[in-house]
Amino acid sequence: MDSPLSVGFPGIVVVELEALCGSLQPTALQSLEHRLSKGIDRSWQGVVLTCSQLPYFSCGLLNVLLRCHKRANCRHQRIVLCQVSPFCRQQLALTRLDTLWDQFDTIEAAIAAFAKSCDHELHAGHECDAFGAGRPASNSGPSSKETFMKTFQVWTRPLGAACRVRVDGIQNGRWLYSQLARSCGTGNCKPVRQTSDSNSFVFVVNFTSQMTSSALSTVLSRIPEVQLMTQPA
């Protein structure tokens, strides 16, 4: 049964993400997309998603959120997240999706940010949109979050319960290794000894209940800097 939509502040709708939404079950994801679309249609500022019951972001869930993000943008609204677990924060940071959705510790903090932004826009004489998105658009330059590394090539090779990852460039490899180690757990990522003249960084990712083979492929494909190669590592 769908959880009800609640209004936390004029023009803001709060939607709870249940634990089931983290899975790939089509019924749960379809229900969520319906509720989010309904919330976007009902609000005139945006939607707050509470994630306290969410264990991880599945590929299906991220696709739903991206579609709803586009829908909200077309209506000059925002989707924000609150009560996001450390693991989910790492997933979003790794895929650069944390640049799309602001994150807050509590529902109250998220609603307060909407209200503060609305007050700021009204005092500036602009039509009120959330988080500095008032029209006309600001001429401010790109934020630090929008500055990315150059694209580098990555090869993978399945090893049963693990995956071998080879990255072009030592520094690139160390960066990617550190990102995945934070997401998977340091004990589940191990660098491979290699010759000093090698220009590649190689490491192995051990699969877990959360970081499966398909999940790893999804994570890598969503990192803007990563160019996944078809040849095995």
C-alpha atoms as a PDB file:
ATOM      1  CA  MET A   1       0.000   0.000   0.000  1.00  0.00           C
ATOM      2  CA  ASP A   2       1.313   3.442  -0.910  1.00  0.00           C
ATOM      3  CA  SER A   3       2.387   5.615   1.973  1.00  0.00           C
ATOM      4  CA  PRO A   4       0.505   8.921   1.993  1.00  0.00           C
ATOM      5  CA  LEU A   5       1.989  12.150   0.756  1.00  0.00           C
ATOM      6  CA  SER A   6       2.378  14.784   3.426  1.00  0.00           C
ATOM      7  CA  VAL A   7       2.805  18.520   3.131  1.00  0.00           C
ATOM      8  CA  GLY A   8       5.600  19.776   5.367  1.00  0.00           C
ATOM      9  CA  PHE A   9       5.460  23.449   4.305  1.00  0.00           C
ATOM     10  CA  PRO A  10       3.291  25.337   1.804  1.00  0.00           C
ATOM     11  CA  GLY A  11       4.205  24.037  -1.637  1.00  0.00           C
ATOM     12  CA  ILE A  12       6.450  21.207  -0.360  1.00  0.00           C
ATOM     13  CA  VAL A  13       5.520  17.519  -0.415  1.00  0.00           C
ATOM     14  CA  VAL A  14       7.282  14.888   1.711  1.00  0.00           C
ATOM     15  CA  VAL A  15       7.564  11.317   0.387  1.00  0.00           C
ATOM     16  CA  GLU A  16       9.042   8.411   2.338  1.00  0.00           C
ATOM     17  CA  LEU A  17      11.263   5.896   0.552  1.00  0.00           C
ATOM     18  CA  GLU A  18      10.591   2.473   2.041  1.00  0.00           C
ATOM     19  CA  ALA A  19      13.234  -0.240   2.244  1.00  0.00           C
ATOM     20  CA  LEU A  20      11.451  -2.120  -0.550  1.00  0.00           C
ATOM     21  CA  CYS A  21      12.176   0.708  -2.990  1.00  0.00           C
ATOM     22  CA  GLY A  22      15.878  -0.091  -2.847  1.00  0.00           C
ATOM     23  CA  SER A  23      15.230  -3.390  -4.588  1.00  0.00           C
ATOM     24  CA  LEU A  24      14.654  -4.077  -8.254  1.00  0.00           C
ATOM     25  CA  GLN A  25      11.037  -5.125  -7.742  1.00  0.00           C
ATOM     26  CA  PRO A  26       9.070  -3.459 -10.568  1.00  0.00           C
ATOM     27  CA  THR A  27       5.903  -3.093  -8.491  1.00  0.00           C
ATOM     28  CA  ALA A  28       7.659  -1.130  -5.750  1.00  0.00           C
ATOM     29  CA  LEU A  29       9.460   1.111  -8.234  1.00  0.00           C
ATOM     30  CA  GLN A  30       6.307   1.781 -10.252  1.00  0.00           C
ATOM     31  CA  SER A  31       4.457   2.674  -7.061  1.00  0.00           C
ATOM     32  CA  LEU A  32       7.249   5.031  -6.033  1.00  0.00           C
ATOM     33  CA  GLU A  33       7.357   6.760  -9.419  1.00  0.00           C
ATOM     34  CA  HIS A  34       3.588   7.241  -9.265  1.00  0.00           C
ATOM     35  CA  ARG A  35       3.828   8.797  -5.796  1.00  0.00           C
ATOM     36  CA  LEU A  36       6.729  11.042  -6.770  1.00  0.00           C
ATOM     37  CA  SER A  37       4.973  12.233  -9.914  1.00  0.00           C
ATOM     38  CA  LYS A  38       1.864  12.928  -7.844  1.00  0.00           C
ATOM     39  CA  GLY A  39       3.967  14.814  -5.309  1.00  0.00           C
ATOM     40  CA  ILE A  40       5.597  16.932  -8.012  1.00  0.00           C
ATOM     41  CA  ASP A  41       2.189  17.734  -9.493  1.00  0.00           C
ATOM     42  CA  ARG A  42       0.830  18.748  -6.067  1.00  0.00           C
ATOM     43  CA  SER A  43       3.770  20.915  -5.021  1.00  0.00           C
ATOM     44  CA  TRP A  44       4.905  24.273  -6.333  1.00  0.00           C
ATOM     45  CA  GLN A  45       8.330  24.245  -4.681  1.00  0.00           C
ATOM     46  CA  GLY A  46       9.477  20.648  -4.613  1.00  0.00           C
ATOM     47  CA  VAL A  47       9.620  17.254  -2.945  1.00  0.00           C
ATOM     48  CA  VAL A  48      11.532  16.035   0.113  1.00  0.00           C
ATOM     49  CA  LEU A  49      12.450  12.333   0.020  1.00  0.00           C
ATOM     50  CA  THR A  50      13.109  10.695   3.375  1.00  0.00           C
ATOM     51  CA  CYS A  51      15.626   7.849   3.080  1.00  0.00           C
ATOM     52  CA  SER A  52      15.921   6.553   6.647  1.00  0.00           C
ATOM     53  CA  GLN A  53      14.523   3.127   5.660  1.00  0.00           C
ATOM     54  CA  LEU A  54      16.556   2.825   2.458  1.00  0.00           C
ATOM     55  CA  PRO A  55      19.532   0.401   2.637  1.00  0.00           C
ATOM     56  CA  TYR A  56      21.002   1.300  -0.765  1.00  0.00           C
ATOM     57  CA  PHE A  57      20.192   2.872  -4.139  1.00  0.00           C
ATOM     58  CA  SER A  58      19.507   0.212  -6.748  1.00  0.00           C
ATOM     59  CA  CYS A  59      19.902   0.911 -10.454  1.00  0.00           C
ATOM     60  CA  GLY A  60      16.128   0.833 -10.887  1.00  0.00           C
ATOM     61  CA  LEU A  61      15.587   3.308  -8.069  1.00  0.00           C
ATOM     62  CA  LEU A  62      18.186   5.720  -9.448  1.00  0.00           C
ATOM     63  CA  ASN A  63      16.504   5.586 -12.857  1.00  0.00           C
ATOM     64  CA  VAL A  64      13.162   6.453 -11.245  1.00  0.00           C
ATOM     65  CA  LEU A  65      14.714   9.365  -9.350  1.00  0.00           C
ATOM     66  CA  LEU A  66      16.421  10.671 -12.486  1.00  0.00           C
ATOM     67  CA  ARG A  67      13.151  10.622 -14.435  1.00  0.00           C
ATOM     68  CA  CYS A  68      11.378  12.428 -11.611  1.00  0.00           C
ATOM     69  CA  HIS A  69      14.268  14.887 -11.348  1.00  0.00           C
ATOM     70  CA  LYS A  70      13.723  15.772 -15.009  1.00  0.00           C
ATOM     71  CA  ARG A  71       9.982  16.120 -14.431  1.00  0.00           C
ATOM     72  CA  ALA A  72      10.567  18.415 -11.458  1.00  0.00           C
ATOM     73  CA  ASN A  73      13.076  20.531 -13.388  1.00  0.00           C
ATOM     74  CA  CYS A  74      10.530  21.093 -16.146  1.00  0.00           C
ATOM     75  CA  ARG A  75       8.218  22.538 -13.491  1.00  0.00           C
ATOM     76  CA  HIS A  76      11.030  24.620 -11.933  1.00  0.00           C
ATOM     77  CA  GLN A  77      10.954  22.511  -8.783  1.00  0.00           C
ATOM     78  CA  ARG A  78      13.544  20.577  -6.791  1.00  0.00           C
ATOM     79  CA  ILE A  79      13.867  17.129  -5.269  1.00  0.00           C
ATOM     80  CA  VAL A  80      15.978  16.919  -2.113  1.00  0.00           C
ATOM     81  CA  LEU A  81      16.966  14.016   0.121  1.00  0.00           C
ATOM     82  CA  CYS A  82      17.126  13.716   3.885  1.00  0.00           C
ATOM     83  CA  GLN A  83      18.152  11.087   6.447  1.00  0.00           C
ATOM     84  CA  VAL A  84      20.483   9.448   3.915  1.00  0.00           C
ATOM     85  CA  SER A  85      22.646   6.644   5.313  1.00  0.00           C
ATOM     86  CA  PRO A  86      26.456   6.838   4.998  1.00  0.00           C
ATOM     87  CA  PHE A  87      26.459   3.987   2.464  1.00  0.00           C
ATOM     88  CA  CYS A  88      23.825   5.691   0.300  1.00  0.00           C
ATOM     89  CA  ARG A  89      25.758   8.970   0.512  1.00  0.00           C
ATOM     90  CA  GLN A  90      28.836   7.160  -0.766  1.00  0.00           C
ATOM     91  CA  GLN A  91      26.846   5.699  -3.654  1.00  0.00           C
ATOM     92  CA  LEU A  92      25.602   9.139  -4.667  1.00  0.00           C
ATOM     93  CA  ALA A  93      29.052  10.696  -4.341  1.00  0.00           C
ATOM     94  CA  LEU A  94      30.669   7.934  -6.359  1.00  0.00           C
ATOM     95  CA  THR A  95      28.217   8.348  -9.242  1.00  0.00           C
ATOM     96  CA  ARG A  96      28.266  12.167  -8.958  1.00  0.00           C
ATOM     97  CA  LEU A  97      24.518  12.162  -8.379  1.00  0.00           C
ATOM     98  CA  ASP A  98      25.086  14.119  -5.176  1.00  0.00           C
ATOM     99  CA  THR A  99      25.420  17.124  -7.497  1.00  0.00           C
ATOM    100  CA  LEU A 100      21.747  16.745  -8.450  1.00  0.00           C
ATOM    101  CA  TRP A 101      20.079  16.387  -5.065  1.00  0.00           C
ATOM    102  CA  ASP A 102      20.851  18.373  -1.938  1.00  0.00           C
ATOM    103  CA  GLN A 103      21.001  16.233   1.200  1.00  0.00           C
ATOM    104  CA  PHE A 104      19.908  17.111   4.730  1.00  0.00           C
ATOM    105  CA  ASP A 105      20.082  15.329   8.064  1.00  0.00           C
ATOM    106  CA  THR A 106      16.424  15.888   8.948  1.00  0.00           C
ATOM    107  CA  ILE A 107      13.093  16.647   7.302  1.00  0.00           C
ATOM    108  CA  GLU A 108      12.942  19.901   9.250  1.00  0.00           C
ATOM    109  CA  ALA A 109      16.308  21.018   7.855  1.00  0.00           C
ATOM    110  CA  ALA A 110      15.205  20.258   4.293  1.00  0.00           C
ATOM    111  CA  ILE A 111      11.950  22.160   4.701  1.00  0.00           C
ATOM    112  CA  ALA A 112      13.779  25.072   6.337  1.00  0.00           C
ATOM    113  CA  ALA A 113      16.125  25.244   3.339  1.00  0.00           C
ATOM    114  CA  PHE A 114      13.145  25.426   0.990  1.00  0.00           C
ATOM    115  CA  ALA A 115      11.580  28.176   3.086  1.00  0.00           C
ATOM    116  CA  LYS A 116      14.827  30.150   3.321  1.00  0.00           C
ATOM    117  CA  SER A 117      15.392  29.916  -0.418  1.00  0.00           C
ATOM    118  CA  CYS A 118      11.839  31.018  -1.101  1.00  0.00           C
ATOM    119  CA  ASP A 119      12.222  34.047   1.183  1.00  0.00           C
ATOM    120  CA  HIS A 120      15.484  34.968  -0.527  1.00  0.00           C
ATOM    121  CA  GLU A 121      13.948  34.788  -3.993  1.00  0.00           C
ATOM    122  CA  LEU A 122      10.908  36.809  -2.983  1.00  0.00           C
ATOM    123  CA  HIS A 123      13.084  39.552  -1.482  1.00  0.00           C
ATOM    124  CA  ALA A 124      15.167  39.547  -4.662  1.00  0.00           C
ATOM    125  CA  GLY A 125      12.025  40.153  -6.693  1.00  0.00           C
ATOM    126  CA  HIS A 126      12.130  36.816  -8.517  1.00  0.00           C
ATOM    127  CA  GLU A 127       9.499  34.161  -8.868  1.00  0.00           C
ATOM    128  CA  CYS A 128      10.073  31.689  -6.054  1.00  0.00           C
ATOM    129  CA  ASP A 129      11.798  28.420  -6.926  1.00  0.00           C
ATOM    130  CA  ALA A 130      13.678  26.268  -4.456  1.00  0.00           C
ATOM    131  CA  PHE A 131      17.410  26.476  -3.746  1.00  0.00           C
ATOM    132  CA  GLY A 132      18.350  29.512  -5.782  1.00  0.00           C
ATOM    133  CA  ALA A 133      16.488  28.385  -8.882  1.00  0.00           C
ATOM    134  CA  GLY A 134      14.383  31.522  -9.126  1.00  0.00           C
ATOM    135  CA  ARG A 135      13.778  32.995 -12.525  1.00  0.00           C
ATOM    136  CA  PRO A 136      15.648  34.784 -14.019  1.00  0.00           C
ATOM    137  CA  ALA A 137      18.522  32.356 -13.615  1.00  0.00           C
ATOM    138  CA  SER A 138      21.614  33.301 -11.676  1.00  0.00           C
ATOM    139  CA  ASN A 139      24.789  34.152 -13.588  1.00  0.00           C
ATOM    140  CA  SER A 140      27.021  32.553 -11.005  1.00  0.00           C
ATOM    141  CA  GLY A 141      29.752  30.272 -12.310  1.00  0.00           C
ATOM    142  CA  PRO A 142      29.927  26.512 -11.856  1.00  0.00           C
ATOM    143  CA  SER A 143      30.311  25.212  -8.333  1.00  0.00           C
ATOM    144  CA  SER A 144      33.228  23.090  -7.196  1.00  0.00           C
ATOM    145  CA  LYS A 145      30.972  20.037  -7.468  1.00  0.00           C
ATOM    146  CA  GLU A 146      30.788  20.586 -11.217  1.00  0.00           C
ATOM    147  CA  THR A 147      34.555  20.325 -11.733  1.00  0.00           C
ATOM    148  CA  PHE A 148      35.402  16.795 -12.850  1.00  0.00           C
ATOM    149  CA  MET A 149      38.560  14.864 -13.676  1.00  0.00           C
ATOM    150  CA  LYS A 150      39.372  13.882 -17.242  1.00  0.00           C
ATOM    151  CA  THR A 151      37.871  10.669 -18.585  1.00  0.00           C
ATOM    152  CA  PHE A 152      39.991   7.546 -18.191  1.00  0.00           C
ATOM    153  CA  GLN A 153      39.618   3.965 -19.402  1.00  0.00           C
ATOM    154  CA  VAL A 154      38.623   1.089 -17.124  1.00  0.00           C
ATOM    155  CA  TRP A 155      38.615  -2.638 -17.891  1.00  0.00           C
ATOM    156  CA  THR A 156      36.919  -5.323 -15.791  1.00  0.00           C
ATOM    157  CA  ARG A 157      37.224  -9.111 -15.661  1.00  0.00           C
ATOM    158  CA  PRO A 158      34.852 -11.358 -13.633  1.00  0.00           C
ATOM    159  CA  LEU A 159      36.618 -13.686 -11.204  1.00  0.00           C
ATOM    160  CA  GLY A 160      33.722 -15.681  -9.806  1.00  0.00           C
ATOM    161  CA  ALA A 161      32.903 -13.998  -6.492  1.00  0.00           C
ATOM    162  CA  ALA A 162      35.059 -10.997  -7.357  1.00  0.00           C
ATOM    163  CA  CYS A 163      36.004  -8.709 -10.225  1.00  0.00           C
ATOM    164  CA  ARG A 164      39.426  -7.610 -11.452  1.00  0.00           C
ATOM    165  CA  VAL A 165      39.545  -3.914 -12.336  1.00  0.00           C
ATOM    166  CA  ARG A 166      42.330  -2.329 -14.391  1.00  0.00           C
ATOM    167  CA  VAL A 167      42.519   1.453 -14.683  1.00  0.00           C
ATOM    168  CA  ASP A 168      44.541   3.452 -17.185  1.00  0.00           C
ATOM    169  CA  GLY A 169      46.849   5.719 -15.187  1.00  0.00           C
ATOM    170  CA  ILE A 170      48.212   5.164 -11.691  1.00  0.00           C
ATOM    171  CA  GLN A 171      46.644   8.291 -10.209  1.00  0.00           C
ATOM    172  CA  ASN A 172      43.307   7.554 -11.870  1.00  0.00           C
ATOM    173  CA  GLY A 173      43.406   4.030 -10.492  1.00  0.00           C
ATOM    174  CA  ARG A 174      44.227   5.145  -6.971  1.00  0.00           C
ATOM    175  CA  TRP A 175      41.359   7.626  -7.061  1.00  0.00           C
ATOM    176  CA  LEU A 176      38.856   5.039  -8.313  1.00  0.00           C
ATOM    177  CA  TYR A 177      40.168   2.453  -5.852  1.00  0.00           C
ATOM    178  CA  SER A 178      39.682   4.836  -2.922  1.00  0.00           C
ATOM    179  CA  GLN A 179      36.140   5.657  -4.057  1.00  0.00           C
ATOM    180  CA  LEU A 180      35.130   2.010  -4.401  1.00  0.00           C
ATOM    181  CA  ALA A 181      36.881   1.060  -1.159  1.00  0.00           C
ATOM    182  CA  ARG A 182      34.758   3.595   0.717  1.00  0.00           C
ATOM    183  CA  SER A 183      31.614   2.275  -0.934  1.00  0.00           C
ATOM    184  CA  CYS A 184      32.348  -1.469  -0.680  1.00  0.00           C
ATOM    185  CA  GLY A 185      34.441  -1.470   2.480  1.00  0.00           C
ATOM    186  CA  THR A 186      38.230  -1.425   2.570  1.00  0.00           C
ATOM    187  CA  GLY A 187      38.392  -5.171   3.190  1.00  0.00           C
ATOM    188  CA  ASN A 188      36.502  -5.884  -0.025  1.00  0.00           C
ATOM    189  CA  CYS A 189      38.911  -3.991  -2.306  1.00  0.00           C
ATOM    190  CA  LYS A 190      42.504  -5.156  -2.653  1.00  0.00           C
ATOM    191  CA  PRO A 191      45.205  -3.708  -4.938  1.00  0.00           C
ATOM    192  CA  VAL A 192      47.181  -6.153  -7.068  1.00  0.00           C
ATOM    193  CA  ARG A 193      50.982  -6.104  -6.994  1.00  0.00           C
ATOM    194  CA  GLN A 194      52.327  -4.911 -10.326  1.00  0.00           C
ATOM    195  CA  THR A 195      55.616  -3.963 -11.964  1.00  0.00           C
ATOM    196  CA  SER A 196      57.015  -0.485 -11.421  1.00  0.00           C
ATOM    197  CA  ASP A 197      56.990   0.299 -15.151  1.00  0.00           C
ATOM    198  CA  SER A 198      53.250  -0.355 -15.488  1.00  0.00           C
ATOM    199  CA  ASN A 199      51.043   2.625 -16.288  1.00  0.00           C
ATOM    200  CA  SER A 200      47.923   0.857 -15.040  1.00  0.00           C
ATOM    201  CA  PHE A 201      46.503   0.413 -11.567  1.00  0.00           C
ATOM    202  CA  VAL A 202      44.907  -2.973 -10.902  1.00  0.00           C
ATOM    203  CA  PHE A 203      42.736  -4.007  -7.986  1.00  0.00           C
ATOM    204  CA  VAL A 204      40.149  -6.650  -7.122  1.00  0.00           C
ATOM    205  CA  VAL A 205      36.646  -5.977  -5.805  1.00  0.00           C
ATOM    206  CA  ASN A 206      35.086  -8.793  -3.785  1.00  0.00           C
ATOM    207  CA  PHE A 207      31.341  -8.990  -4.282  1.00  0.00           C
ATOM    208  CA  THR A 208      28.981  -8.560  -1.328  1.00  0.00           C
ATOM    209  CA  SER A 209      25.219  -8.680  -0.861  1.00  0.00           C
ATOM    210  CA  GLN A 210      25.100  -4.974  -1.718  1.00  0.00           C
ATOM    211  CA  MET A 211      27.954  -4.706  -4.221  1.00  0.00           C
ATOM    212  CA  THR A 212      27.079  -7.456  -6.685  1.00  0.00           C
ATOM    213  CA  SER A 213      28.503  -7.849 -10.181  1.00  0.00           C
ATOM    214  CA  SER A 214      25.608  -5.930 -11.738  1.00  0.00           C
ATOM    215  CA  ALA A 215      25.761  -3.258  -9.027  1.00  0.00           C
ATOM    216  CA  LEU A 216      29.483  -2.721  -9.660  1.00  0.00           C
ATOM    217  CA  SER A 217      28.873  -2.391 -13.404  1.00  0.00           C
ATOM    218  CA  THR A 218      26.106   0.114 -12.734  1.00  0.00           C
ATOM    219  CA  VAL A 219      28.258   2.152 -10.358  1.00  0.00           C
ATOM    220  CA  LEU A 220      31.179   2.268 -12.796  1.00  0.00           C
ATOM    221  CA  SER A 221      28.949   3.190 -15.739  1.00  0.00           C
ATOM    222  CA  ARG A 222      27.514   6.135 -13.792  1.00  0.00           C
ATOM    223  CA  ILE A 223      30.866   7.685 -12.871  1.00  0.00           C
ATOM    224  CA  PRO A 224      31.379  10.486 -15.429  1.00  0.00           C
ATOM    225  CA  GLU A 225      35.163  10.045 -15.497  1.00  0.00           C
ATOM    226  CA  VAL A 226      35.024   6.316 -16.235  1.00  0.00           C
ATOM    227  CA  GLN A 227      35.037   5.001 -19.796  1.00  0.00           C
ATOM    228  CA  LEU A 228      34.225   1.302 -19.505  1.00  0.00           C
ATOM    229  CA  MET A 229      36.007  -0.799 -22.108  1.00  0.00           C
ATOM    230  CA  THR A 230      34.541  -3.959 -23.620  1.00  0.00           C
ATOM    231  CA  GLN A 231      37.807  -5.917 -23.594  1.00  0.00           C
ATOM    232  CA  PRO A 232      38.478  -7.875 -20.385  1.00  0.00           C
ATOM    233  CA  ALA A 233      41.036  -6.560 -17.900  1.00  0.00           C
END
